């Protein structure tokens, strides 16, 4: 599945923290996924390719579990948009 994930902060943004948090999220996503940080600012946008037949629900569950990491608890997944 090729998808675009959008995450928003649940607390105020500190300078440059979105970029650092975006890199942390990339590092915690499954290594078998192809992943690319597209944007980091008010929101983080990451494109992933799971290279399998994962569903949107499975993708959401995996990303939501990643965001429970103590350094990322202030982010939540807002959209999981399948692409092509």
N, C-alpha and C. Protein backbone atom coordinates (compact mmCIF):
# COMPACT_ATOMS: atom_id res chain seq x y z
N UNK A 1 0.84 -1.17 0.00
CA UNK A 1 0.00 0.00 0.00
C UNK A 1 0.89 1.23 0.00
N UNK A 2 0.58 2.15 -0.88
CA UNK A 2 1.25 3.44 -0.96
C UNK A 2 0.28 4.46 -0.37
N UNK A 3 0.73 5.20 0.65
CA UNK A 3 -0.18 6.12 1.34
C UNK A 3 0.56 7.34 1.86
N UNK A 4 -0.23 8.37 2.11
CA UNK A 4 0.30 9.60 2.72
C UNK A 4 -0.31 9.72 4.10
N UNK A 5 0.54 9.87 5.10
CA UNK A 5 0.12 9.98 6.49
C UNK A 5 0.29 11.41 6.96
N UNK A 6 -0.72 11.95 7.61
CA UNK A 6 -0.63 13.31 8.14
C UNK A 6 -0.84 13.26 9.64
N UNK A 7 0.07 13.91 10.37
CA UNK A 7 0.00 13.96 11.82
C UNK A 7 0.00 15.40 12.29
N UNK A 8 -0.74 15.67 13.35
CA UNK A 8 -0.80 17.02 13.94
C UNK A 8 -0.43 16.93 15.41
N UNK A 9 0.10 18.04 15.90
CA UNK A 9 0.44 18.12 17.33
C UNK A 9 -0.82 18.30 18.17
N UNK A 10 -0.76 17.78 19.37
CA UNK A 10 -1.86 17.98 20.31
C UNK A 10 -1.51 19.06 21.33
N UNK A 11 -0.26 19.58 21.26
CA UNK A 11 0.19 20.65 22.17
C UNK A 11 0.94 21.68 21.34
N UNK A 12 1.21 22.84 21.91
CA UNK A 12 1.89 23.90 21.14
C UNK A 12 3.23 23.45 20.56
N UNK A 13 3.53 23.97 19.40
CA UNK A 13 4.75 23.63 18.68
C UNK A 13 5.93 24.45 19.20
N UNK A 14 7.04 23.80 19.43
CA UNK A 14 8.27 24.51 19.77
C UNK A 14 9.12 24.62 18.51
N UNK A 15 9.96 25.62 18.41
CA UNK A 15 10.74 25.82 17.19
C UNK A 15 11.51 24.56 16.77
N UNK A 16 11.41 24.22 15.51
CA UNK A 16 12.13 23.09 14.89
C UNK A 16 11.79 21.71 15.44
N UNK A 17 10.85 21.60 16.34
CA UNK A 17 10.56 20.27 16.90
C UNK A 17 9.84 19.38 15.90
N UNK A 18 9.10 19.94 14.97
CA UNK A 18 8.37 19.11 14.01
C UNK A 18 9.34 18.34 13.13
N UNK A 19 10.39 18.96 12.68
CA UNK A 19 11.38 18.28 11.82
C UNK A 19 12.04 17.14 12.59
N UNK A 20 12.45 17.40 13.82
CA UNK A 20 13.09 16.38 14.65
C UNK A 20 12.11 15.24 14.93
N UNK A 21 10.88 15.58 15.28
CA UNK A 21 9.88 14.56 15.55
C UNK A 21 9.57 13.76 14.29
N UNK A 22 9.55 14.42 13.13
CA UNK A 22 9.33 13.71 11.87
C UNK A 22 10.39 12.66 11.63
N UNK A 23 11.63 12.99 11.92
CA UNK A 23 12.74 12.03 11.78
C UNK A 23 12.58 10.91 12.79
N UNK A 24 12.16 11.22 14.00
CA UNK A 24 11.92 10.17 15.02
C UNK A 24 10.84 9.20 14.55
N UNK A 25 9.76 9.76 14.00
CA UNK A 25 8.67 8.90 13.51
C UNK A 25 9.19 7.99 12.41
N UNK A 26 9.95 8.55 11.46
CA UNK A 26 10.52 7.73 10.38
C UNK A 26 11.33 6.57 10.95
N UNK A 27 12.14 6.86 11.97
CA UNK A 27 13.00 5.84 12.55
C UNK A 27 12.22 4.73 13.25
N UNK A 28 11.03 5.06 13.74
CA UNK A 28 10.24 4.07 14.48
C UNK A 28 9.26 3.28 13.61
N UNK A 29 9.01 3.74 12.40
CA UNK A 29 8.13 2.99 11.50
C UNK A 29 8.85 1.72 11.06
N UNK A 30 8.10 0.71 10.66
CA UNK A 30 8.74 -0.55 10.25
C UNK A 30 9.81 -0.34 9.18
N UNK A 31 10.95 -0.97 9.37
CA UNK A 31 12.08 -0.81 8.45
C UNK A 31 11.79 -1.31 7.05
N UNK A 32 10.89 -2.27 6.93
CA UNK A 32 10.58 -2.83 5.61
C UNK A 32 9.78 -1.84 4.74
N UNK A 33 9.22 -0.81 5.36
CA UNK A 33 8.47 0.19 4.63
C UNK A 33 9.42 1.18 3.97
N UNK A 34 9.12 1.57 2.76
CA UNK A 34 9.79 2.69 2.14
C UNK A 34 9.08 3.93 2.68
N UNK A 35 9.83 4.91 3.18
CA UNK A 35 9.20 6.06 3.81
C UNK A 35 9.95 7.34 3.46
N UNK A 36 9.20 8.43 3.37
CA UNK A 36 9.77 9.71 2.98
C UNK A 36 9.05 10.84 3.72
N UNK A 37 9.81 11.63 4.45
CA UNK A 37 9.26 12.79 5.14
C UNK A 37 9.05 13.89 4.10
N UNK A 38 7.82 14.24 3.88
CA UNK A 38 7.49 15.22 2.85
C UNK A 38 7.40 16.64 3.40
N UNK A 39 6.93 16.77 4.63
CA UNK A 39 6.71 18.10 5.21
C UNK A 39 6.77 17.99 6.72
N UNK A 40 7.34 19.01 7.36
CA UNK A 40 7.33 19.09 8.81
C UNK A 40 7.15 20.55 9.19
N UNK A 41 6.10 20.85 9.88
CA UNK A 41 5.78 22.22 10.29
C UNK A 41 4.63 22.14 11.25
N UNK A 42 3.52 22.76 10.90
CA UNK A 42 2.31 22.65 11.72
C UNK A 42 1.83 21.20 11.75
N UNK A 43 2.18 20.48 10.72
CA UNK A 43 1.84 19.05 10.65
C UNK A 43 3.03 18.32 10.04
N UNK A 44 3.05 17.01 10.23
CA UNK A 44 4.07 16.17 9.62
C UNK A 44 3.37 15.32 8.57
N UNK A 45 3.94 15.30 7.38
CA UNK A 45 3.39 14.49 6.29
C UNK A 45 4.47 13.50 5.84
N UNK A 46 4.13 12.23 5.89
CA UNK A 46 5.06 11.17 5.50
C UNK A 46 4.39 10.29 4.47
N UNK A 47 5.11 9.99 3.40
CA UNK A 47 4.63 9.04 2.40
C UNK A 47 5.29 7.70 2.68
N UNK A 48 4.49 6.65 2.68
CA UNK A 48 5.03 5.31 2.92
C UNK A 48 4.55 4.36 1.84
N UNK A 49 5.36 3.35 1.61
CA UNK A 49 4.98 2.25 0.74
C UNK A 49 5.29 0.98 1.52
N UNK A 50 4.25 0.27 1.91
CA UNK A 50 4.43 -0.93 2.74
C UNK A 50 4.86 -2.13 1.91
N UNK A 51 4.74 -2.03 0.58
CA UNK A 51 5.13 -3.10 -0.35
C UNK A 51 4.40 -4.42 -0.04
N UNK A 52 3.17 -4.30 0.44
CA UNK A 52 2.33 -5.48 0.67
C UNK A 52 0.86 -5.07 0.54
N UNK A 53 -0.01 -5.94 0.89
CA UNK A 53 -1.45 -5.69 0.75
C UNK A 53 -2.09 -5.17 2.04
N UNK A 54 -1.34 -4.38 2.80
CA UNK A 54 -1.88 -3.81 4.04
C UNK A 54 -3.11 -2.96 3.74
N UNK A 55 -4.01 -2.91 4.70
CA UNK A 55 -5.19 -2.06 4.57
C UNK A 55 -4.94 -0.73 5.26
N UNK A 56 -5.78 0.24 4.99
CA UNK A 56 -5.68 1.54 5.66
C UNK A 56 -5.80 1.37 7.17
N UNK A 57 -6.68 0.49 7.60
CA UNK A 57 -6.87 0.26 9.04
C UNK A 57 -5.59 -0.30 9.67
N UNK A 58 -4.92 -1.22 8.99
CA UNK A 58 -3.68 -1.78 9.52
C UNK A 58 -2.58 -0.71 9.57
N UNK A 59 -2.53 0.09 8.54
CA UNK A 59 -1.55 1.16 8.49
C UNK A 59 -1.80 2.16 9.62
N UNK A 60 -3.05 2.54 9.80
CA UNK A 60 -3.42 3.46 10.89
C UNK A 60 -3.02 2.89 12.25
N UNK A 61 -3.28 1.61 12.46
CA UNK A 61 -2.97 0.97 13.74
C UNK A 61 -1.46 0.99 14.00
N UNK A 62 -0.67 0.69 12.99
CA UNK A 62 0.78 0.68 13.15
C UNK A 62 1.31 2.07 13.46
N UNK A 63 0.85 3.06 12.73
CA UNK A 63 1.32 4.43 12.95
C UNK A 63 0.83 4.95 14.30
N UNK A 64 -0.39 4.68 14.65
CA UNK A 64 -0.91 5.12 15.96
C UNK A 64 -0.11 4.50 17.10
N UNK A 65 0.26 3.24 16.95
CA UNK A 65 1.09 2.58 17.98
C UNK A 65 2.46 3.25 18.06
N UNK A 66 3.02 3.63 16.93
CA UNK A 66 4.31 4.33 16.90
C UNK A 66 4.21 5.65 17.66
N UNK A 67 3.10 6.34 17.52
CA UNK A 67 2.94 7.65 18.14
C UNK A 67 2.71 7.57 19.66
N UNK A 68 2.63 6.36 20.22
CA UNK A 68 2.53 6.23 21.67
C UNK A 68 3.91 6.28 22.33
N UNK A 69 4.97 6.29 21.52
CA UNK A 69 6.32 6.41 22.06
C UNK A 69 6.39 7.68 22.92
N UNK A 70 7.05 7.63 24.08
CA UNK A 70 7.07 8.79 24.97
C UNK A 70 7.53 10.10 24.32
N UNK A 71 8.45 10.03 23.38
CA UNK A 71 8.93 11.28 22.76
C UNK A 71 7.98 11.79 21.68
N UNK A 72 6.94 11.02 21.35
CA UNK A 72 6.02 11.41 20.27
C UNK A 72 4.56 11.48 20.71
N UNK A 73 4.30 11.35 21.99
CA UNK A 73 2.92 11.28 22.48
C UNK A 73 2.11 12.54 22.17
N UNK A 74 2.77 13.64 21.83
CA UNK A 74 2.08 14.90 21.55
C UNK A 74 1.66 15.01 20.07
N UNK A 75 1.80 13.93 19.31
CA UNK A 75 1.35 13.89 17.91
C UNK A 75 0.24 12.87 17.78
N UNK A 76 -0.70 13.12 16.87
CA UNK A 76 -1.72 12.12 16.57
C UNK A 76 -1.93 12.06 15.05
N UNK A 77 -2.28 10.90 14.59
CA UNK A 77 -2.52 10.68 13.16
C UNK A 77 -3.88 11.27 12.81
N UNK A 78 -3.89 12.16 11.82
CA UNK A 78 -5.17 12.76 11.41
C UNK A 78 -5.70 12.13 10.12
N UNK A 79 -4.80 11.78 9.19
CA UNK A 79 -5.27 11.13 7.97
C UNK A 79 -4.29 10.07 7.50
N UNK A 80 -4.85 9.08 6.86
CA UNK A 80 -4.10 8.02 6.18
C UNK A 80 -4.75 7.92 4.80
N UNK A 81 -4.14 8.60 3.84
CA UNK A 81 -4.74 8.71 2.51
C UNK A 81 -4.02 7.78 1.53
N UNK A 82 -4.71 6.73 1.06
CA UNK A 82 -4.09 5.85 0.05
C UNK A 82 -3.81 6.62 -1.24
N UNK A 83 -2.68 6.34 -1.85
CA UNK A 83 -2.28 6.97 -3.10
C UNK A 83 -2.18 5.91 -4.18
N UNK A 84 -2.65 6.25 -5.37
CA UNK A 84 -2.54 5.38 -6.55
C UNK A 84 -2.56 3.98 -6.25
